[in-house]
Amino acid sequence: MTLPCWTYLVLFAAGLLAGLIDAMAGGGGLISLPVLLWVGVPPKIALGTNKLQSSCGTALAAWRYGRAGLLRWRDLRLGLCITFLSAMAGAMTVTRLESDILRQIIPPILVGLAIWFWLQPRLGLERQTARMRPMVFAILFGGVLGFYDGFFGPGTGSFWMLACLFLLGLDLREATGHTKAMNLASNLASLAVFVASGSVRYDIGVVMIAGQLIGARLGSGLVITHGARFIRPIFLAVVVILAARLLWENLAR
C-alpha cells in the first residue's frame, strides 16, 4: 500500500507529539495509533508499526532518566525480565483471543484511579513508605502488566505509575522513570512478535521514529527539569482522556 507524501508529514508530527506525551505521563499511543489507522494502515500493521516507533521513543526517555539518576538498572533486572516475557506471551495470545472484555472494564478502572489520585494531592510529591517488597512487586506487576501491555495495552503506563507511587513509595519523577523502563521491556517484547509475523511497515516506522525521538527528548527533559508538580496535571489529563476514548469506542461499537 502506497501512501500520499503528505501523510508522512502527518505521521512525523504524530510521532513527535506521542513521544512528548509518552515521555512525561504515558499514553502516547492515544495519538499515534489512531493516526496510523486514519491514514489507512491496516489494524494489525498499525499495531506493529506503532510498537516499533514507540519502542524507540521509550528507549530514549528511559536512557535519559537513567542518566539523570532516576533509574537503578541493577534493581530493575527482575522486573524487566518478567515484564518482557509476560508481554511476549500477551502479544502471542492476542492473536488467538478477543480483547473486547478488556475494552469494557478498563475505562471505569481508569476513571476510578484518576479520581483517587486527584484526591491524594501529596501523592508523588515526595517519597513514601513502600507497601510491597521490590521482588514481590516485580513478580506481580511485571507478570500482570507485562501481559496486559502485550495483549491490549491502553493505560499500561498509568497503571505502572500508580503502582510505583502507592506500593513502592516512589515520587513522581522516579515513578515516571520506572514506568519508562518497564514500558520499554514490554514494547520490545511485543515488537518482536509483530516483526516475526511480518506486521511492521518500516518506511512509516522510520518517519515516526524521527518524530518520536524529538518528542521523547523534549518530554523527558521537562520531567527531569520541572519534577513532580509538572507531571501531576499532565498525568491526570492523560488518564482521563484515555478512559474517555476507550469508553467512546465501547459505545460506538
C-alpha atoms as a PDB file:
ATOM      1  CA  MET A   1       0.000   0.000   0.000  1.00  0.00           C
ATOM      2  CA  THR A   2       1.452   3.363  -1.116  1.00  0.00           C
ATOM      3  CA  LEU A   3       0.645   6.423   0.993  1.00  0.00           C
ATOM      4  CA  PRO A   4       0.461  10.021  -0.307  1.00  0.00           C
ATOM      5  CA  CYS A   5       3.503  12.160   0.522  1.00  0.00           C
ATOM      6  CA  TRP A   6       1.539  14.445   2.859  1.00  0.00           C
ATOM      7  CA  THR A   7       0.667  11.550   5.150  1.00  0.00           C
ATOM      8  CA  TYR A   8       4.332  11.156   6.078  1.00  0.00           C
ATOM      9  CA  LEU A   9       4.355  14.708   7.437  1.00  0.00           C
ATOM     10  CA  VAL A  10       1.256  13.898   9.474  1.00  0.00           C
ATOM     11  CA  LEU A  11       2.864  10.714  10.772  1.00  0.00           C
ATOM     12  CA  PHE A  12       6.057  12.577  11.725  1.00  0.00           C
ATOM     13  CA  ALA A  13       4.003  15.118  13.684  1.00  0.00           C
ATOM     14  CA  ALA A  14       2.026  12.320  15.351  1.00  0.00           C
ATOM     15  CA  GLY A  15       5.252  10.599  16.374  1.00  0.00           C
ATOM     16  CA  LEU A  16       6.647  13.826  17.829  1.00  0.00           C
ATOM     17  CA  LEU A  17       3.530  14.604  19.869  1.00  0.00           C
ATOM     18  CA  ALA A  18       3.167  10.984  21.003  1.00  0.00           C
ATOM     19  CA  GLY A  19       6.816  10.894  22.102  1.00  0.00           C
ATOM     20  CA  LEU A  20       6.393  14.132  24.059  1.00  0.00           C
ATOM     21  CA  ILE A  21       3.281  12.950  25.919  1.00  0.00           C
ATOM     22  CA  ASP A  22       4.555   9.410  26.419  1.00  0.00           C
ATOM     23  CA  ALA A  23       7.835  10.548  27.981  1.00  0.00           C
ATOM     24  CA  MET A  24       6.001  12.716  30.512  1.00  0.00           C
ATOM     25  CA  ALA A  25       2.963  10.665  31.527  1.00  0.00           C
ATOM     26  CA  GLY A  26       2.434   7.723  29.175  1.00  0.00           C
ATOM     27  CA  GLY A  27      -0.444   7.457  26.743  1.00  0.00           C
ATOM     28  CA  GLY A  28       1.336   8.420  23.535  1.00  0.00           C
ATOM     29  CA  GLY A  29      -0.475   5.600  21.777  1.00  0.00           C
ATOM     30  CA  LEU A  30      -3.643   7.706  22.136  1.00  0.00           C
ATOM     31  CA  ILE A  31      -2.171   9.875  19.392  1.00  0.00           C
ATOM     32  CA  SER A  32      -0.016   7.633  17.225  1.00  0.00           C
ATOM     33  CA  LEU A  33      -2.263   4.596  16.779  1.00  0.00           C
ATOM     34  CA  PRO A  34      -5.426   6.483  15.700  1.00  0.00           C
ATOM     35  CA  VAL A  35      -3.343   8.497  13.193  1.00  0.00           C
ATOM     36  CA  LEU A  36      -1.902   5.294  11.713  1.00  0.00           C
ATOM     37  CA  LEU A  37      -5.413   3.913  11.274  1.00  0.00           C
ATOM     38  CA  TRP A  38      -6.699   7.248   9.918  1.00  0.00           C
ATOM     39  CA  VAL A  39      -4.141   7.340   7.080  1.00  0.00           C
ATOM     40  CA  GLY A  40      -5.246   3.863   6.020  1.00  0.00           C
ATOM     41  CA  VAL A  41      -2.751   1.468   7.606  1.00  0.00           C
ATOM     42  CA  PRO A  42      -4.423  -1.933   8.298  1.00  0.00           C
ATOM     43  CA  PRO A  43      -5.043  -2.560  12.026  1.00  0.00           C
ATOM     44  CA  LYS A  44      -2.516  -5.359  12.547  1.00  0.00           C
ATOM     45  CA  ILE A  45       0.197  -3.457  10.646  1.00  0.00           C
ATOM     46  CA  ALA A  46      -0.717  -0.306  12.581  1.00  0.00           C
ATOM     47  CA  LEU A  47      -0.235  -2.110  15.896  1.00  0.00           C
ATOM     48  CA  GLY A  48       3.150  -3.480  14.874  1.00  0.00           C
ATOM     49  CA  THR A  49       4.382  -0.185  13.399  1.00  0.00           C
ATOM     50  CA  ASN A  50       3.183   1.691  16.464  1.00  0.00           C
ATOM     51  CA  LYS A  51       5.210  -0.635  18.693  1.00  0.00           C
ATOM     52  CA  LEU A  52       8.281  -0.023  16.530  1.00  0.00           C
ATOM     53  CA  GLN A  53       8.169   3.756  16.785  1.00  0.00           C
ATOM     54  CA  SER A  54       7.081   3.866  20.424  1.00  0.00           C
ATOM     55  CA  SER A  55       9.903   1.498  21.433  1.00  0.00           C
ATOM     56  CA  CYS A  56      12.472   3.962  20.099  1.00  0.00           C
ATOM     57  CA  GLY A  57      10.978   6.932  21.927  1.00  0.00           C
ATOM     58  CA  THR A  58      10.625   4.937  25.142  1.00  0.00           C
ATOM     59  CA  ALA A  59      14.243   3.763  24.884  1.00  0.00           C
ATOM     60  CA  LEU A  60      15.498   7.338  24.599  1.00  0.00           C
ATOM     61  CA  ALA A  61      13.341   8.526  27.511  1.00  0.00           C
ATOM     62  CA  ALA A  62      14.474   5.617  29.707  1.00  0.00           C
ATOM     63  CA  TRP A  63      18.124   6.290  28.846  1.00  0.00           C
ATOM     64  CA  ARG A  64      17.786   9.966  29.776  1.00  0.00           C
ATOM     65  CA  TYR A  65      16.048   9.096  33.062  1.00  0.00           C
ATOM     66  CA  GLY A  66      18.858   6.664  33.814  1.00  0.00           C
ATOM     67  CA  ARG A  67      21.494   9.337  33.189  1.00  0.00           C
ATOM     68  CA  ALA A  68      19.589  11.701  35.493  1.00  0.00           C
ATOM     69  CA  GLY A  69      19.763   9.133  38.309  1.00  0.00           C
ATOM     70  CA  LEU A  70      16.054   8.252  38.262  1.00  0.00           C
ATOM     71  CA  LEU A  71      16.691   4.599  37.378  1.00  0.00           C
ATOM     72  CA  ARG A  72      18.805   1.962  39.066  1.00  0.00           C
ATOM     73  CA  TRP A  73      19.001  -0.659  36.312  1.00  0.00           C
ATOM     74  CA  ARG A  74      20.517  -3.280  38.618  1.00  0.00           C
ATOM     75  CA  ASP A  75      17.458  -3.109  40.894  1.00  0.00           C
ATOM     76  CA  LEU A  76      15.095  -3.407  37.924  1.00  0.00           C
ATOM     77  CA  ARG A  77      16.526  -6.536  36.321  1.00  0.00           C
ATOM     78  CA  LEU A  78      13.965  -8.994  37.695  1.00  0.00           C
ATOM     79  CA  GLY A  79      11.007  -6.770  36.819  1.00  0.00           C
ATOM     80  CA  LEU A  80      12.353  -6.127  33.324  1.00  0.00           C
ATOM     81  CA  CYS A  81      12.817  -9.840  32.610  1.00  0.00           C
ATOM     82  CA  ILE A  82       9.355 -10.804  33.879  1.00  0.00           C
ATOM     83  CA  THR A  83       7.698  -7.898  32.059  1.00  0.00           C
ATOM     84  CA  PHE A  84       9.439  -8.826  28.796  1.00  0.00           C
ATOM     85  CA  LEU A  85       8.416 -12.483  28.932  1.00  0.00           C
ATOM     86  CA  SER A  86       4.859 -11.701  30.033  1.00  0.00           C
ATOM     87  CA  ALA A  87       4.389  -9.102  27.282  1.00  0.00           C
ATOM     88  CA  MET A  88       5.587 -11.593  24.686  1.00  0.00           C
ATOM     89  CA  ALA A  89       3.046 -14.097  25.993  1.00  0.00           C
ATOM     90  CA  GLY A  90       0.337 -11.425  25.853  1.00  0.00           C
ATOM     91  CA  ALA A  91       1.186 -10.457  22.275  1.00  0.00           C
ATOM     92  CA  MET A  92       1.079 -14.111  21.208  1.00  0.00           C
ATOM     93  CA  THR A  93      -2.232 -14.625  22.997  1.00  0.00           C
ATOM     94  CA  VAL A  94      -3.940 -11.604  21.400  1.00  0.00           C
ATOM     95  CA  THR A  95      -3.671 -13.295  18.006  1.00  0.00           C
ATOM     96  CA  ARG A  96      -5.891 -16.100  19.321  1.00  0.00           C
ATOM     97  CA  LEU A  97      -8.321 -14.406  21.701  1.00  0.00           C
ATOM     98  CA  GLU A  98     -10.647 -11.405  21.623  1.00  0.00           C
ATOM     99  CA  SER A  99      -9.721  -8.428  23.807  1.00  0.00           C
ATOM    100  CA  ASP A 100     -13.243  -6.918  23.861  1.00  0.00           C
ATOM    101  CA  ILE A 101     -13.775  -7.777  27.533  1.00  0.00           C
ATOM    102  CA  LEU A 102     -10.794  -5.611  28.438  1.00  0.00           C
ATOM    103  CA  ARG A 103     -12.246  -2.716  26.432  1.00  0.00           C
ATOM    104  CA  GLN A 104     -15.312  -2.904  28.670  1.00  0.00           C
ATOM    105  CA  ILE A 105     -13.635  -2.998  32.095  1.00  0.00           C
ATOM    106  CA  ILE A 106     -10.606  -0.726  31.668  1.00  0.00           C
ATOM    107  CA  PRO A 107     -12.401   2.696  31.331  1.00  0.00           C
ATOM    108  CA  PRO A 108     -14.177   2.606  34.727  1.00  0.00           C
ATOM    109  CA  ILE A 109     -10.979   1.370  36.384  1.00  0.00           C
ATOM    110  CA  LEU A 110      -9.011   4.270  34.902  1.00  0.00           C
ATOM    111  CA  VAL A 111     -11.658   6.813  35.931  1.00  0.00           C
ATOM    112  CA  GLY A 112     -11.638   5.437  39.473  1.00  0.00           C
ATOM    113  CA  LEU A 113      -7.843   5.629  39.641  1.00  0.00           C
ATOM    114  CA  ALA A 114      -7.862   9.203  38.326  1.00  0.00           C
ATOM    115  CA  ILE A 115     -10.388  10.280  40.983  1.00  0.00           C
ATOM    116  CA  TRP A 116      -8.376   8.561  43.711  1.00  0.00           C
ATOM    117  CA  PHE A 117      -5.125  10.165  42.514  1.00  0.00           C
ATOM    118  CA  TRP A 118      -6.777  13.599  42.358  1.00  0.00           C
ATOM    119  CA  LEU A 119      -7.993  13.188  45.961  1.00  0.00           C
ATOM    120  CA  GLN A 120      -4.395  12.489  47.092  1.00  0.00           C
ATOM    121  CA  PRO A 121      -2.759  15.882  46.400  1.00  0.00           C
ATOM    122  CA  ARG A 122       0.520  14.979  48.132  1.00  0.00           C
ATOM    123  CA  LEU A 123       0.938  11.597  46.450  1.00  0.00           C
ATOM    124  CA  GLY A 124       4.092  11.522  44.384  1.00  0.00           C
ATOM    125  CA  LEU A 125       5.461  14.888  45.521  1.00  0.00           C
ATOM    126  CA  GLU A 126       7.914  13.109  47.794  1.00  0.00           C
ATOM    127  CA  ARG A 127       8.958   9.567  48.648  1.00  0.00           C
ATOM    128  CA  GLN A 128       6.577   7.499  50.788  1.00  0.00           C
ATOM    129  CA  THR A 129       6.986   4.306  52.773  1.00  0.00           C
ATOM    130  CA  ALA A 130       6.980   1.272  50.481  1.00  0.00           C
ATOM    131  CA  ARG A 131       3.993  -1.060  50.972  1.00  0.00           C
ATOM    132  CA  MET A 132       5.398  -4.006  48.996  1.00  0.00           C
ATOM    133  CA  ARG A 133       8.829  -5.593  48.733  1.00  0.00           C
ATOM    134  CA  PRO A 134      10.552  -4.856  45.407  1.00  0.00           C
ATOM    135  CA  MET A 135      10.890  -8.550  44.494  1.00  0.00           C
ATOM    136  CA  VAL A 136       7.197  -9.243  45.075  1.00  0.00           C
ATOM    137  CA  PHE A 137       6.311  -6.064  43.165  1.00  0.00           C
ATOM    138  CA  ALA A 138       8.483  -7.095  40.203  1.00  0.00           C
ATOM    139  CA  ILE A 139       6.971 -10.569  40.001  1.00  0.00           C
ATOM    140  CA  LEU A 140       3.352  -9.489  40.457  1.00  0.00           C
ATOM    141  CA  PHE A 141       3.209  -6.360  38.325  1.00  0.00           C
ATOM    142  CA  GLY A 142       5.793  -7.483  35.798  1.00  0.00           C
ATOM    143  CA  GLY A 143       3.624 -10.545  35.160  1.00  0.00           C
ATOM    144  CA  VAL A 144       0.232  -8.831  35.119  1.00  0.00           C
ATOM    145  CA  LEU A 145       1.040  -5.505  33.443  1.00  0.00           C
ATOM    146  CA  GLY A 146       3.562  -7.044  31.069  1.00  0.00           C
ATOM    147  CA  PHE A 147       0.941  -9.498  29.804  1.00  0.00           C
ATOM    148  CA  TYR A 148      -1.677  -6.741  29.640  1.00  0.00           C
ATOM    149  CA  ASP A 149       0.565  -4.477  27.570  1.00  0.00           C
ATOM    150  CA  GLY A 150       1.285  -7.233  25.087  1.00  0.00           C
ATOM    151  CA  PHE A 151      -2.363  -8.305  24.934  1.00  0.00           C
ATOM    152  CA  PHE A 152      -4.188  -4.966  24.881  1.00  0.00           C
ATOM    153  CA  GLY A 153      -2.057  -2.016  26.020  1.00  0.00           C
ATOM    154  CA  PRO A 154      -4.004   1.216  26.691  1.00  0.00           C
ATOM    155  CA  GLY A 155      -3.444   2.518  30.210  1.00  0.00           C
ATOM    156  CA  THR A 156      -0.369   0.379  30.945  1.00  0.00           C
ATOM    157  CA  GLY A 157       1.803   3.386  31.761  1.00  0.00           C
ATOM    158  CA  SER A 158      -0.888   4.800  34.056  1.00  0.00           C
ATOM    159  CA  PHE A 159      -1.158   1.520  35.953  1.00  0.00           C
ATOM    160  CA  TRP A 160       2.636   1.309  36.314  1.00  0.00           C
ATOM    161  CA  MET A 161       2.807   4.891  37.575  1.00  0.00           C
ATOM    162  CA  LEU A 162       0.126   4.418  40.214  1.00  0.00           C
ATOM    163  CA  ALA A 163       1.576   1.086  41.347  1.00  0.00           C
ATOM    164  CA  CYS A 164       5.029   2.655  41.738  1.00  0.00           C
ATOM    165  CA  LEU A 165       3.621   5.599  43.676  1.00  0.00           C
ATOM    166  CA  PHE A 166       1.360   3.672  46.028  1.00  0.00           C
ATOM    167  CA  LEU A 167       3.201   0.372  46.527  1.00  0.00           C
ATOM    168  CA  LEU A 168       6.883   1.266  46.081  1.00  0.00           C
ATOM    169  CA  GLY A 169       6.549   4.735  47.607  1.00  0.00           C
ATOM    170  CA  LEU A 170       8.413   6.462  44.755  1.00  0.00           C
ATOM    171  CA  ASP A 171       7.962  10.130  43.956  1.00  0.00           C
ATOM    172  CA  LEU A 172       6.509  11.115  40.586  1.00  0.00           C
ATOM    173  CA  ARG A 173       9.864  11.613  38.856  1.00  0.00           C
ATOM    174  CA  GLU A 174      11.156   8.216  39.987  1.00  0.00           C
ATOM    175  CA  ALA A 175       7.833   6.560  39.146  1.00  0.00           C
ATOM    176  CA  THR A 176       7.974   8.052  35.645  1.00  0.00           C
ATOM    177  CA  GLY A 177      11.473   6.636  35.138  1.00  0.00           C
ATOM    178  CA  HIS A 178      10.479   3.203  36.475  1.00  0.00           C
ATOM    179  CA  THR A 179       7.430   3.193  34.207  1.00  0.00           C
ATOM    180  CA  LYS A 180       9.512   4.015  31.118  1.00  0.00           C
ATOM    181  CA  ALA A 181      11.906   1.141  31.857  1.00  0.00           C
ATOM    182  CA  MET A 182       9.075  -1.378  32.186  1.00  0.00           C
ATOM    183  CA  ASN A 183       7.251   0.026  29.149  1.00  0.00           C
ATOM    184  CA  LEU A 184      10.443  -0.425  27.148  1.00  0.00           C
ATOM    185  CA  ALA A 185      10.636  -4.103  28.115  1.00  0.00           C
ATOM    186  CA  SER A 186       7.023  -4.802  27.157  1.00  0.00           C
ATOM    187  CA  ASN A 187       7.258  -2.754  23.952  1.00  0.00           C
ATOM    188  CA  LEU A 188      10.343  -4.642  22.761  1.00  0.00           C
ATOM    189  CA  ALA A 189       8.750  -7.994  23.561  1.00  0.00           C
ATOM    190  CA  SER A 190       5.559  -7.120  21.681  1.00  0.00           C
ATOM    191  CA  LEU A 191       7.581  -5.700  18.803  1.00  0.00           C
ATOM    192  CA  ALA A 192       9.498  -8.973  18.456  1.00  0.00           C
ATOM    193  CA  VAL A 193       6.200 -10.834  17.972  1.00  0.00           C
ATOM    194  CA  PHE A 194       4.930  -8.331  15.381  1.00  0.00           C
ATOM    195  CA  VAL A 195       8.232  -8.384  13.476  1.00  0.00           C
ATOM    196  CA  ALA A 196       8.195 -12.183  13.408  1.00  0.00           C
ATOM    197  CA  SER A 197       4.677 -12.128  11.942  1.00  0.00           C
ATOM    198  CA  GLY A 198       5.583  -9.512   9.303  1.00  0.00           C
ATOM    199  CA  SER A 199       3.252  -6.882  10.789  1.00  0.00           C
ATOM    200  CA  VAL A 200       5.507  -3.799  10.598  1.00  0.00           C
ATOM    201  CA  ARG A 201       5.729  -1.032   7.946  1.00  0.00           C
ATOM    202  CA  TYR A 202       9.347   0.084   8.231  1.00  0.00           C
ATOM    203  CA  ASP A 203       9.056   3.104   5.933  1.00  0.00           C
ATOM    204  CA  ILE A 204       6.296   4.539   8.119  1.00  0.00           C
ATOM    205  CA  GLY A 205       8.127   3.467  11.255  1.00  0.00           C
ATOM    206  CA  VAL A 206      11.298   5.376  10.325  1.00  0.00           C
ATOM    207  CA  VAL A 207       9.343   8.611   9.768  1.00  0.00           C
ATOM    208  CA  MET A 208       7.517   8.276  13.080  1.00  0.00           C
ATOM    209  CA  ILE A 209      10.713   7.312  14.913  1.00  0.00           C
ATOM    210  CA  ALA A 210      12.276  10.615  13.863  1.00  0.00           C
ATOM    211  CA  GLY A 211       9.373  12.467  15.473  1.00  0.00           C
ATOM    212  CA  GLN A 212       9.321  10.150  18.492  1.00  0.00           C
ATOM    213  CA  LEU A 213      12.966  10.789  19.327  1.00  0.00           C
ATOM    214  CA  ILE A 214      12.498  14.549  19.235  1.00  0.00           C
ATOM    215  CA  GLY A 215       9.345  14.351  21.360  1.00  0.00           C
ATOM    216  CA  ALA A 216      10.871  11.909  23.855  1.00  0.00           C
ATOM    217  CA  ARG A 217      13.913  14.127  24.334  1.00  0.00           C
ATOM    218  CA  LEU A 218      11.752  17.195  24.945  1.00  0.00           C
ATOM    219  CA  GLY A 219       9.335  15.380  27.269  1.00  0.00           C
ATOM    220  CA  SER A 220      11.975  13.647  29.388  1.00  0.00           C
ATOM    221  CA  GLY A 221      13.853  16.939  29.677  1.00  0.00           C
ATOM    222  CA  LEU A 222      10.745  18.668  31.033  1.00  0.00           C
ATOM    223  CA  VAL A 223      10.211  15.905  33.615  1.00  0.00           C
ATOM    224  CA  ILE A 224      13.845  15.970  34.762  1.00  0.00           C
ATOM    225  CA  THR A 225      13.880  19.765  35.000  1.00  0.00           C
ATOM    226  CA  HIS A 226      10.456  20.551  36.458  1.00  0.00           C
ATOM    227  CA  GLY A 227       9.704  17.469  38.565  1.00  0.00           C
ATOM    228  CA  ALA A 228       6.573  16.127  40.228  1.00  0.00           C
ATOM    229  CA  ARG A 229       4.383  19.244  40.246  1.00  0.00           C
ATOM    230  CA  PHE A 230       4.744  19.436  36.472  1.00  0.00           C
ATOM    231  CA  ILE A 231       3.959  15.747  35.892  1.00  0.00           C
ATOM    232  CA  ARG A 232       0.854  15.519  38.086  1.00  0.00           C
ATOM    233  CA  PRO A 233      -1.662  17.542  35.993  1.00  0.00           C
ATOM    234  CA  ILE A 234      -0.409  16.018  32.736  1.00  0.00           C
ATOM    235  CA  PHE A 235      -0.699  12.504  34.146  1.00  0.00           C
ATOM    236  CA  LEU A 236      -4.244  13.150  35.369  1.00  0.00           C
ATOM    237  CA  ALA A 237      -5.266  14.592  31.996  1.00  0.00           C
ATOM    238  CA  VAL A 238      -3.834  11.625  30.089  1.00  0.00           C
ATOM    239  CA  VAL A 239      -5.628   9.095  32.307  1.00  0.00           C
ATOM    240  CA  VAL A 240      -8.992  10.865  31.938  1.00  0.00           C
ATOM    241  CA  ILE A 241      -8.624  11.273  28.162  1.00  0.00           C
ATOM    242  CA  LEU A 242      -7.601   7.647  27.774  1.00  0.00           C
ATOM    243  CA  ALA A 243     -10.613   6.465  29.776  1.00  0.00           C
ATOM    244  CA  ALA A 244     -12.952   8.737  27.779  1.00  0.00           C
ATOM    245  CA  ARG A 245     -11.608   7.482  24.466  1.00  0.00           C
ATOM    246  CA  LEU A 246     -11.973   3.817  25.409  1.00  0.00           C
ATOM    247  CA  LEU A 247     -15.486   4.455  26.725  1.00  0.00           C
ATOM    248  CA  TRP A 248     -16.409   6.237  23.467  1.00  0.00           C
ATOM    249  CA  GLU A 249     -15.101   3.297  21.435  1.00  0.00           C
ATOM    250  CA  ASN A 250     -17.230   0.927  23.541  1.00  0.00           C
ATOM    251  CA  LEU A 251     -20.388   2.992  22.990  1.00  0.00           C
ATOM    252  CA  ALA A 252     -19.720   3.342  19.256  1.00  0.00           C
ATOM    253  CA  ARG A 253     -19.351  -0.402  18.680  1.00  0.00           C
END
